[in-house]
Amino acid sequence: MARQASLFADNQPDMFGPAPTPVWRPNPDKVRARLYKLLAEARATQPKTWEPSTLSLYRTVFPQMAGFLPAEEGSQLLLAFETELQRLTPDED
């Protein structure tokens, strides 16, 4: 009797495969608010006053975050931010 399979054991393969992993998407309103905050910070900053690490971080993060918004809106914000970066780093052109 010990070799008899349990009626309740789940030893059959799943016909549909494993459940898909849920995809996390950020809240567009929170992303938008953060991007506008970074853009306002850039506009209020004087040229050459951001630390290189801060500048590098924002150059990386801003485009990634803009990608979570509708394409046209993200592109407009990115263009505005890149304009500010050019103002903040005039000798890097």
PDB file of N, CA and C in Angstrom:
ATOM      1  N   MET A   1       0.795  -1.187   0.000  1.00  0.00           N
ATOM      2  CA  MET A   1       0.000   0.000   0.000  1.00  0.00           C
ATOM      3  C   MET A   1       0.840   1.254   0.000  1.00  0.00           C
ATOM      4  N   ALA A   2       2.014   1.174   0.535  1.00  0.00           N
ATOM      5  CA  ALA A   2       2.864   2.353   0.608  1.00  0.00           C
ATOM      6  C   ALA A   2       3.263   2.839  -0.771  1.00  0.00           C
ATOM      7  N   ARG A   3       3.256   1.945  -1.767  1.00  0.00           N
ATOM      8  CA  ARG A   3       3.649   2.325  -3.124  1.00  0.00           C
ATOM      9  C   ARG A   3       2.498   2.913  -3.931  1.00  0.00           C
ATOM     10  N   GLN A   4       1.298   2.851  -3.389  1.00  0.00           N
ATOM     11  CA  GLN A   4       0.145   3.368  -4.113  1.00  0.00           C
ATOM     12  C   GLN A   4       0.188   4.895  -4.132  1.00  0.00           C
ATOM     13  N   ALA A   5      -0.061   5.489  -5.299  1.00  0.00           N
ATOM     14  CA  ALA A   5      -0.022   6.955  -5.434  1.00  0.00           C
ATOM     15  C   ALA A   5      -1.204   7.581  -4.704  1.00  0.00           C
ATOM     16  N   SER A   6      -0.953   8.734  -4.167  1.00  0.00           N
ATOM     17  CA  SER A   6      -2.004   9.473  -3.494  1.00  0.00           C
ATOM     18  C   SER A   6      -2.981  10.031  -4.525  1.00  0.00           C
ATOM     19  N   LEU A   7      -4.240   9.992  -4.200  1.00  0.00           N
ATOM     20  CA  LEU A   7      -5.249  10.550  -5.100  1.00  0.00           C
ATOM     21  C   LEU A   7      -5.175  12.076  -5.175  1.00  0.00           C
ATOM     22  N   PHE A   8      -4.566  12.680  -4.179  1.00  0.00           N
ATOM     23  CA  PHE A   8      -4.541  14.133  -4.102  1.00  0.00           C
ATOM     24  C   PHE A   8      -3.180  14.719  -4.432  1.00  0.00           C
ATOM     25  N   ALA A   9      -2.234  13.904  -4.769  1.00  0.00           N
ATOM     26  CA  ALA A   9      -0.892  14.398  -5.098  1.00  0.00           C
ATOM     27  C   ALA A   9      -0.934  15.123  -6.444  1.00  0.00           C
ATOM     28  N   ASP A  10      -0.206  16.187  -6.535  1.00  0.00           N
ATOM     29  CA  ASP A  10      -0.161  16.967  -7.785  1.00  0.00           C
ATOM     30  C   ASP A  10       1.102  16.579  -8.540  1.00  0.00           C
ATOM     31  N   ASN A  11       1.083  15.385  -9.117  1.00  0.00           N
ATOM     32  CA  ASN A  11       2.266  14.942  -9.818  1.00  0.00           C
ATOM     33  C   ASN A  11       2.048  14.881 -11.326  1.00  0.00           C
ATOM     34  N   GLN A  12       0.990  15.545 -11.813  1.00  0.00           N
ATOM     35  CA  GLN A  12       0.781  15.640 -13.248  1.00  0.00           C
ATOM     36  C   GLN A  12       1.351  16.964 -13.737  1.00  0.00           C
ATOM     37  N   PRO A  13       1.934  16.966 -14.936  1.00  0.00           N
ATOM     38  CA  PRO A  13       2.461  18.224 -15.441  1.00  0.00           C
ATOM     39  C   PRO A  13       1.331  19.214 -15.743  1.00  0.00           C
ATOM     40  N   ASP A  14       1.622  20.462 -15.583  1.00  0.00           N
ATOM     41  CA  ASP A  14       0.661  21.525 -15.856  1.00  0.00           C
ATOM     42  C   ASP A  14       0.493  21.650 -17.363  1.00  0.00           C
ATOM     43  N   MET A  15      -0.722  21.570 -17.852  1.00  0.00           N
ATOM     44  CA  MET A  15      -0.967  21.615 -19.293  1.00  0.00           C
ATOM     45  C   MET A  15      -0.653  22.977 -19.906  1.00  0.00           C
ATOM     46  N   PHE A  16      -0.720  24.021 -19.133  1.00  0.00           N
ATOM     47  CA  PHE A  16      -0.545  25.377 -19.658  1.00  0.00           C
ATOM     48  C   PHE A  16       0.807  25.993 -19.315  1.00  0.00           C
ATOM     49  N   GLY A  17       1.654  25.258 -18.673  1.00  0.00           N
ATOM     50  CA  GLY A  17       2.956  25.789 -18.281  1.00  0.00           C
ATOM     51  C   GLY A  17       2.837  26.650 -17.041  1.00  0.00           C
ATOM     52  N   PRO A  18       3.960  27.174 -16.609  1.00  0.00           N
ATOM     53  CA  PRO A  18       3.920  28.008 -15.418  1.00  0.00           C
ATOM     54  C   PRO A  18       3.154  29.308 -15.681  1.00  0.00           C
ATOM     55  N   ALA A  19       2.617  29.876 -14.635  1.00  0.00           N
ATOM     56  CA  ALA A  19       1.902  31.146 -14.766  1.00  0.00           C
ATOM     57  C   ALA A  19       2.877  32.235 -15.204  1.00  0.00           C
ATOM     58  N   PRO A  20       2.450  33.134 -16.074  1.00  0.00           N
ATOM     59  CA  PRO A  20       3.353  34.198 -16.513  1.00  0.00           C
ATOM     60  C   PRO A  20       3.718  35.118 -15.348  1.00  0.00           C
ATOM     61  N   THR A  21       4.937  35.572 -15.363  1.00  0.00           N
ATOM     62  CA  THR A  21       5.403  36.492 -14.339  1.00  0.00           C
ATOM     63  C   THR A  21       4.748  37.850 -14.572  1.00  0.00           C
ATOM     64  N   PRO A  22       4.130  38.418 -13.546  1.00  0.00           N
ATOM     65  CA  PRO A  22       3.497  39.722 -13.738  1.00  0.00           C
ATOM     66  C   PRO A  22       4.547  40.787 -14.079  1.00  0.00           C
ATOM     67  N   VAL A  23       4.187  41.689 -14.964  1.00  0.00           N
ATOM     68  CA  VAL A  23       5.080  42.774 -15.373  1.00  0.00           C
ATOM     69  C   VAL A  23       4.736  44.003 -14.560  1.00  0.00           C
ATOM     70  N   TRP A  24       5.718  44.557 -13.899  1.00  0.00           N
ATOM     71  CA  TRP A  24       5.510  45.753 -13.096  1.00  0.00           C
ATOM     72  C   TRP A  24       5.662  46.983 -13.978  1.00  0.00           C
ATOM     73  N   ARG A  25       4.731  47.875 -13.900  1.00  0.00           N
ATOM     74  CA  ARG A  25       4.791  49.149 -14.608  1.00  0.00           C
ATOM     75  C   ARG A  25       4.628  50.259 -13.573  1.00  0.00           C
ATOM     76  N   PRO A  26       5.482  51.283 -13.649  1.00  0.00           N
ATOM     77  CA  PRO A  26       5.343  52.379 -12.701  1.00  0.00           C
ATOM     78  C   PRO A  26       4.092  53.204 -12.998  1.00  0.00           C
ATOM     79  N   ASN A  27       3.635  53.894 -12.003  1.00  0.00           N
ATOM     80  CA  ASN A  27       2.486  54.777 -12.134  1.00  0.00           C
ATOM     81  C   ASN A  27       2.900  55.985 -12.982  1.00  0.00           C
ATOM     82  N   PRO A  28       2.268  56.207 -14.142  1.00  0.00           N
ATOM     83  CA  PRO A  28       2.667  57.326 -15.013  1.00  0.00           C
ATOM     84  C   PRO A  28       2.568  58.683 -14.325  1.00  0.00           C
ATOM     85  N   ASP A  29       1.609  58.860 -13.429  1.00  0.00           N
ATOM     86  CA  ASP A  29       1.481  60.142 -12.734  1.00  0.00           C
ATOM     87  C   ASP A  29       2.680  60.395 -11.824  1.00  0.00           C
ATOM     88  N   LYS A  30       3.153  59.345 -11.165  1.00  0.00           N
ATOM     89  CA  LYS A  30       4.332  59.499 -10.300  1.00  0.00           C
ATOM     90  C   LYS A  30       5.590  59.736 -11.133  1.00  0.00           C
ATOM     91  N   VAL A  31       5.711  59.040 -12.256  1.00  0.00           N
ATOM     92  CA  VAL A  31       6.863  59.236 -13.148  1.00  0.00           C
ATOM     93  C   VAL A  31       6.860  60.664 -13.670  1.00  0.00           C
ATOM     94  N   ARG A  32       5.694  61.113 -14.123  1.00  0.00           N
ATOM     95  CA  ARG A  32       5.554  62.467 -14.658  1.00  0.00           C
ATOM     96  C   ARG A  32       5.953  63.508 -13.603  1.00  0.00           C
ATOM     97  N   ALA A  33       5.458  63.337 -12.394  1.00  0.00           N
ATOM     98  CA  ALA A  33       5.771  64.280 -11.313  1.00  0.00           C
ATOM     99  C   ALA A  33       7.267  64.312 -11.039  1.00  0.00           C
ATOM    100  N   ARG A  34       7.901  63.161 -11.023  1.00  0.00           N
ATOM    101  CA  ARG A  34       9.346  63.085 -10.765  1.00  0.00           C
ATOM    102  C   ARG A  34      10.130  63.754 -11.887  1.00  0.00           C
ATOM    103  N   LEU A  35       9.709  63.534 -13.138  1.00  0.00           N
ATOM    104  CA  LEU A  35      10.415  64.153 -14.264  1.00  0.00           C
ATOM    105  C   LEU A  35      10.278  65.678 -14.232  1.00  0.00           C
ATOM    106  N   TYR A  36       9.081  66.167 -13.923  1.00  0.00           N
ATOM    107  CA  TYR A  36       8.906  67.617 -13.826  1.00  0.00           C
ATOM    108  C   TYR A  36       9.727  68.196 -12.672  1.00  0.00           C
ATOM    109  N   LYS A  37       9.852  67.442 -11.600  1.00  0.00           N
ATOM    110  CA  LYS A  37      10.680  67.895 -10.470  1.00  0.00           C
ATOM    111  C   LYS A  37      12.154  67.973 -10.887  1.00  0.00           C
ATOM    112  N   LEU A  38      12.648  66.949 -11.584  1.00  0.00           N
ATOM    113  CA  LEU A  38      14.040  66.970 -12.061  1.00  0.00           C
ATOM    114  C   LEU A  38      14.267  68.097 -13.067  1.00  0.00           C
ATOM    115  N   LEU A  39      13.287  68.317 -13.936  1.00  0.00           N
ATOM    116  CA  LEU A  39      13.405  69.393 -14.921  1.00  0.00           C
ATOM    117  C   LEU A  39      13.429  70.752 -14.234  1.00  0.00           C
ATOM    118  N   ALA A  40      12.598  70.945 -13.229  1.00  0.00           N
ATOM    119  CA  ALA A  40      12.594  72.199 -12.469  1.00  0.00           C
ATOM    120  C   ALA A  40      13.924  72.386 -11.751  1.00  0.00           C
ATOM    121  N   GLU A  41      14.465  71.314 -11.214  1.00  0.00           N
ATOM    122  CA  GLU A  41      15.772  71.391 -10.541  1.00  0.00           C
ATOM    123  C   GLU A  41      16.857  71.796 -11.538  1.00  0.00           C
ATOM    124  N   ALA A  42      16.815  71.223 -12.722  1.00  0.00           N
ATOM    125  CA  ALA A  42      17.802  71.565 -13.749  1.00  0.00           C
ATOM    126  C   ALA A  42      17.669  73.030 -14.156  1.00  0.00           C
ATOM    127  N   ARG A  43      16.454  73.502 -14.304  1.00  0.00           N
ATOM    128  CA  ARG A  43      16.226  74.904 -14.705  1.00  0.00           C
ATOM    129  C   ARG A  43      16.693  75.879 -13.627  1.00  0.00           C
ATOM    130  N   ALA A  44      16.631  75.466 -12.371  1.00  0.00           N
ATOM    131  CA  ALA A  44      17.028  76.339 -11.260  1.00  0.00           C
ATOM    132  C   ALA A  44      18.521  76.272 -10.965  1.00  0.00           C
ATOM    133  N   THR A  45      19.221  75.349 -11.592  1.00  0.00           N
ATOM    134  CA  THR A  45      20.634  75.143 -11.317  1.00  0.00           C
ATOM    135  C   THR A  45      21.496  76.035 -12.204  1.00  0.00           C
ATOM    136  N   GLN A  46      22.560  76.537 -11.624  1.00  0.00           N
ATOM    137  CA  GLN A  46      23.520  77.341 -12.389  1.00  0.00           C
ATOM    138  C   GLN A  46      24.468  76.411 -13.144  1.00  0.00           C
ATOM    139  N   PRO A  47      24.987  76.858 -14.293  1.00  0.00           N
ATOM    140  CA  PRO A  47      25.928  76.024 -15.058  1.00  0.00           C
ATOM    141  C   PRO A  47      27.105  75.555 -14.206  1.00  0.00           C
ATOM    142  N   LYS A  48      27.519  74.339 -14.448  1.00  0.00           N
ATOM    143  CA  LYS A  48      28.691  73.711 -13.827  1.00  0.00           C
ATOM    144  C   LYS A  48      28.590  73.562 -12.310  1.00  0.00           C
ATOM    145  N   THR A  49      27.387  73.509 -11.754  1.00  0.00           N
ATOM    146  CA  THR A  49      27.276  73.368 -10.299  1.00  0.00           C
ATOM    147  C   THR A  49      26.872  71.966  -9.871  1.00  0.00           C
ATOM    148  N   TRP A  50      26.347  71.157 -10.756  1.00  0.00           N
ATOM    149  CA  TRP A  50      26.022  69.779 -10.411  1.00  0.00           C
ATOM    150  C   TRP A  50      27.287  68.962 -10.342  1.00  0.00           C
ATOM    151  N   GLU A  51      27.343  68.090  -9.363  1.00  0.00           N
ATOM    152  CA  GLU A  51      28.458  67.156  -9.270  1.00  0.00           C
ATOM    153  C   GLU A  51      28.435  66.242 -10.492  1.00  0.00           C
ATOM    154  N   PRO A  52      29.591  65.801 -10.977  1.00  0.00           N
ATOM    155  CA  PRO A  52      29.605  64.887 -12.127  1.00  0.00           C
ATOM    156  C   PRO A  52      28.772  63.626 -11.900  1.00  0.00           C
ATOM    157  N   SER A  53      28.736  63.117 -10.670  1.00  0.00           N
ATOM    158  CA  SER A  53      27.944  61.916 -10.399  1.00  0.00           C
ATOM    159  C   SER A  53      26.445  62.205 -10.523  1.00  0.00           C
ATOM    160  N   THR A  54      26.020  63.367 -10.078  1.00  0.00           N
ATOM    161  CA  THR A  54      24.613  63.757 -10.197  1.00  0.00           C
ATOM    162  C   THR A  54      24.243  63.921 -11.663  1.00  0.00           C
ATOM    163  N   LEU A  55      25.098  64.591 -12.397  1.00  0.00           N
ATOM    164  CA  LEU A  55      24.872  64.800 -13.825  1.00  0.00           C
ATOM    165  C   LEU A  55      24.785  63.461 -14.560  1.00  0.00           C
ATOM    166  N   SER A  56      25.673  62.563 -14.253  1.00  0.00           N
ATOM    167  CA  SER A  56      25.675  61.245 -14.880  1.00  0.00           C
ATOM    168  C   SER A  56      24.411  60.461 -14.528  1.00  0.00           C
ATOM    169  N   LEU A  57      24.002  60.522 -13.278  1.00  0.00           N
ATOM    170  CA  LEU A  57      22.795  59.831 -12.840  1.00  0.00           C
ATOM    171  C   LEU A  57      21.582  60.349 -13.595  1.00  0.00           C
ATOM    172  N   TYR A  58      21.422  61.667 -13.643  1.00  0.00           N
ATOM    173  CA  TYR A  58      20.259  62.258 -14.304  1.00  0.00           C
ATOM    174  C   TYR A  58      20.278  61.991 -15.810  1.00  0.00           C
ATOM    175  N   ARG A  59      21.451  61.990 -16.409  1.00  0.00           N
ATOM    176  CA  ARG A  59      21.541  61.685 -17.844  1.00  0.00           C
ATOM    177  C   ARG A  59      21.102  60.253 -18.132  1.00  0.00           C
ATOM    178  N   THR A  60      21.285  59.378 -17.184  1.00  0.00           N
ATOM    179  CA  THR A  60      20.895  57.983 -17.355  1.00  0.00           C
ATOM    180  C   THR A  60      19.428  57.771 -17.007  1.00  0.00           C
ATOM    181  N   VAL A  61      19.000  58.297 -15.887  1.00  0.00           N
ATOM    182  CA  VAL A  61      17.678  58.017 -15.348  1.00  0.00           C
ATOM    183  C   VAL A  61      16.561  58.752 -16.093  1.00  0.00           C
ATOM    184  N   PHE A  62      16.798  59.998 -16.465  1.00  0.00           N
ATOM    185  CA  PHE A  62      15.721  60.786 -17.077  1.00  0.00           C
ATOM    186  C   PHE A  62      15.180  60.115 -18.347  1.00  0.00           C
ATOM    187  N   PRO A  63      16.027  59.718 -19.306  1.00  0.00           N
ATOM    188  CA  PRO A  63      15.492  59.055 -20.504  1.00  0.00           C
ATOM    189  C   PRO A  63      14.775  57.737 -20.191  1.00  0.00           C
ATOM    190  N   GLN A  64      15.287  56.999 -19.227  1.00  0.00           N
ATOM    191  CA  GLN A  64      14.637  55.740 -18.863  1.00  0.00           C
ATOM    192  C   GLN A  64      13.240  55.992 -18.306  1.00  0.00           C
ATOM    193  N   MET A  65      13.123  56.980 -17.439  1.00  0.00           N
ATOM    194  CA  MET A  65      11.829  57.309 -16.858  1.00  0.00           C
ATOM    195  C   MET A  65      10.881  57.869 -17.910  1.00  0.00           C
ATOM    196  N   ALA A  66      11.393  58.692 -18.809  1.00  0.00           N
ATOM    197  CA  ALA A  66      10.553  59.266 -19.862  1.00  0.00           C
ATOM    198  C   ALA A  66       9.967  58.173 -20.743  1.00  0.00           C
ATOM    199  N   GLY A  67      10.650  57.060 -20.850  1.00  0.00           N
ATOM    200  CA  GLY A  67      10.172  55.947 -21.643  1.00  0.00           C
ATOM    201  C   GLY A  67       8.914  55.291 -21.090  1.00  0.00           C
ATOM    202  N   PHE A  68       8.554  55.576 -19.843  1.00  0.00           N
ATOM    203  CA  PHE A  68       7.338  55.018 -19.256  1.00  0.00           C
ATOM    204  C   PHE A  68       6.107  55.880 -19.510  1.00  0.00           C
ATOM    205  N   LEU A  69       6.312  57.031 -20.153  1.00  0.00           N
ATOM    206  CA  LEU A  69       5.200  57.918 -20.478  1.00  0.00           C
ATOM    207  C   LEU A  69       4.797  57.710 -21.928  1.00  0.00           C
ATOM    208  N   PRO A  70       3.641  58.229 -22.337  1.00  0.00           N
ATOM    209  CA  PRO A  70       3.300  58.172 -23.753  1.00  0.00           C
ATOM    210  C   PRO A  70       4.436  58.786 -24.577  1.00  0.00           C
ATOM    211  N   ALA A  71       4.675  58.233 -25.753  1.00  0.00           N
ATOM    212  CA  ALA A  71       5.860  58.576 -26.555  1.00  0.00           C
ATOM    213  C   ALA A  71       6.030  60.072 -26.771  1.00  0.00           C
ATOM    214  N   GLU A  72       4.995  60.753 -27.177  1.00  0.00           N
ATOM    215  CA  GLU A  72       5.125  62.186 -27.471  1.00  0.00           C
ATOM    216  C   GLU A  72       5.447  62.989 -26.215  1.00  0.00           C
ATOM    217  N   GLU A  73       4.772  62.686 -25.137  1.00  0.00           N
ATOM    218  CA  GLU A  73       5.018  63.391 -23.879  1.00  0.00           C
ATOM    219  C   GLU A  73       6.434  63.131 -23.374  1.00  0.00           C
ATOM    220  N   GLY A  74       6.856  61.884 -23.415  1.00  0.00           N
ATOM    221  CA  GLY A  74       8.208  61.539 -22.978  1.00  0.00           C
ATOM    222  C   GLY A  74       9.263  62.226 -23.823  1.00  0.00           C
ATOM    223  N   SER A  75       9.042  62.287 -25.127  1.00  0.00           N
ATOM    224  CA  SER A  75       9.997  62.942 -26.034  1.00  0.00           C
ATOM    225  C   SER A  75      10.101  64.431 -25.751  1.00  0.00           C
ATOM    226  N   GLN A  76       8.979  65.074 -25.486  1.00  0.00           N
ATOM    227  CA  GLN A  76       8.994  66.510 -25.184  1.00  0.00           C
ATOM    228  C   GLN A  76       9.741  66.798 -23.887  1.00  0.00           C
ATOM    229  N   LEU A  77       9.487  65.991 -22.878  1.00  0.00           N
ATOM    230  CA  LEU A  77      10.194  66.189 -21.610  1.00  0.00           C
ATOM    231  C   LEU A  77      11.687  65.926 -21.774  1.00  0.00           C
ATOM    232  N   LEU A  78      12.021  64.914 -22.540  1.00  0.00           N
ATOM    233  CA  LEU A  78      13.429  64.591 -22.762  1.00  0.00           C
ATOM    234  C   LEU A  78      14.134  65.712 -23.511  1.00  0.00           C
ATOM    235  N   LEU A  79      13.472  66.275 -24.504  1.00  0.00           N
ATOM    236  CA  LEU A  79      14.051  67.397 -25.248  1.00  0.00           C
ATOM    237  C   LEU A  79      14.283  68.596 -24.331  1.00  0.00           C
ATOM    238  N   ALA A  80      13.309  68.893 -23.477  1.00  0.00           N
ATOM    239  CA  ALA A  80      13.457  70.003 -22.532  1.00  0.00           C
ATOM    240  C   ALA A  80      14.616  69.741 -21.575  1.00  0.00           C
ATOM    241  N   PHE A  81      14.751  68.512 -21.118  1.00  0.00           N
ATOM    242  CA  PHE A  81      15.829  68.179 -20.189  1.00  0.00           C
ATOM    243  C   PHE A  81      17.190  68.257 -20.875  1.00  0.00           C
ATOM    244  N   GLU A  82      17.282  67.754 -22.100  1.00  0.00           N
ATOM    245  CA  GLU A  82      18.544  67.810 -22.841  1.00  0.00           C
ATOM    246  C   GLU A  82      18.953  69.258 -23.115  1.00  0.00           C
ATOM    247  N   THR A  83      17.973  70.135 -23.342  1.00  0.00           N
ATOM    248  CA  THR A  83      18.257  71.559 -23.522  1.00  0.00           C
ATOM    249  C   THR A  83      18.875  72.134 -22.256  1.00  0.00           C
ATOM    250  N   GLU A  84      18.331  71.756 -21.113  1.00  0.00           N
ATOM    251  CA  GLU A  84      18.897  72.224 -19.839  1.00  0.00           C
ATOM    252  C   GLU A  84      20.286  71.653 -19.608  1.00  0.00           C
ATOM    253  N   LEU A  85      20.507  70.403 -19.979  1.00  0.00           N
ATOM    254  CA  LEU A  85      21.839  69.815 -19.817  1.00  0.00           C
ATOM    255  C   LEU A  85      22.865  70.553 -20.669  1.00  0.00           C
ATOM    256  N   GLN A  86      22.488  70.960 -21.857  1.00  0.00           N
ATOM    257  CA  GLN A  86      23.409  71.722 -22.709  1.00  0.00           C
ATOM    258  C   GLN A  86      23.746  73.064 -22.062  1.00  0.00           C
ATOM    259  N   ARG A  87      22.760  73.685 -21.415  1.00  0.00           N
ATOM    260  CA  ARG A  87      22.999  74.943 -20.723  1.00  0.00           C
ATOM    261  C   ARG A  87      23.910  74.728 -19.509  1.00  0.00           C
ATOM    262  N   LEU A  88      23.711  73.612 -18.821  1.00  0.00           N
ATOM    263  CA  LEU A  88      24.470  73.354 -17.597  1.00  0.00           C
ATOM    264  C   LEU A  88      25.907  72.900 -17.868  1.00  0.00           C
ATOM    265  N   THR A  89      26.153  72.343 -19.042  1.00  0.00           N
ATOM    266  CA  THR A  89      27.489  71.839 -19.384  1.00  0.00           C
ATOM    267  C   THR A  89      27.917  72.416 -20.734  1.00  0.00           C
ATOM    268  N   PRO A  90      28.127  73.741 -20.807  1.00  0.00           N
ATOM    269  CA  PRO A  90      28.405  74.384 -22.098  1.00  0.00           C
ATOM    270  C   PRO A  90      29.695  73.915 -22.767  1.00  0.00           C
ATOM    271  N   ASP A  91      30.700  73.515 -22.020  1.00  0.00           N
ATOM    272  CA  ASP A  91      31.978  73.135 -22.630  1.00  0.00           C
ATOM    273  C   ASP A  91      32.025  71.680 -23.068  1.00  0.00           C
ATOM    274  N   GLU A  92      30.930  70.927 -22.869  1.00  0.00           N
ATOM    275  CA  GLU A  92      30.901  69.528 -23.273  1.00  0.00           C
ATOM    276  C   GLU A  92      30.272  69.345 -24.650  1.00  0.00           C
ATOM    277  N   ASP A  93      29.947  70.398 -25.340  1.00  0.00           N
ATOM    278  CA  ASP A  93      29.308  70.293 -26.671  1.00  0.00           C
ATOM    279  C   ASP A  93      30.187  69.711 -27.702  1.00  0.00           C
TER     280      ASP A  93
END
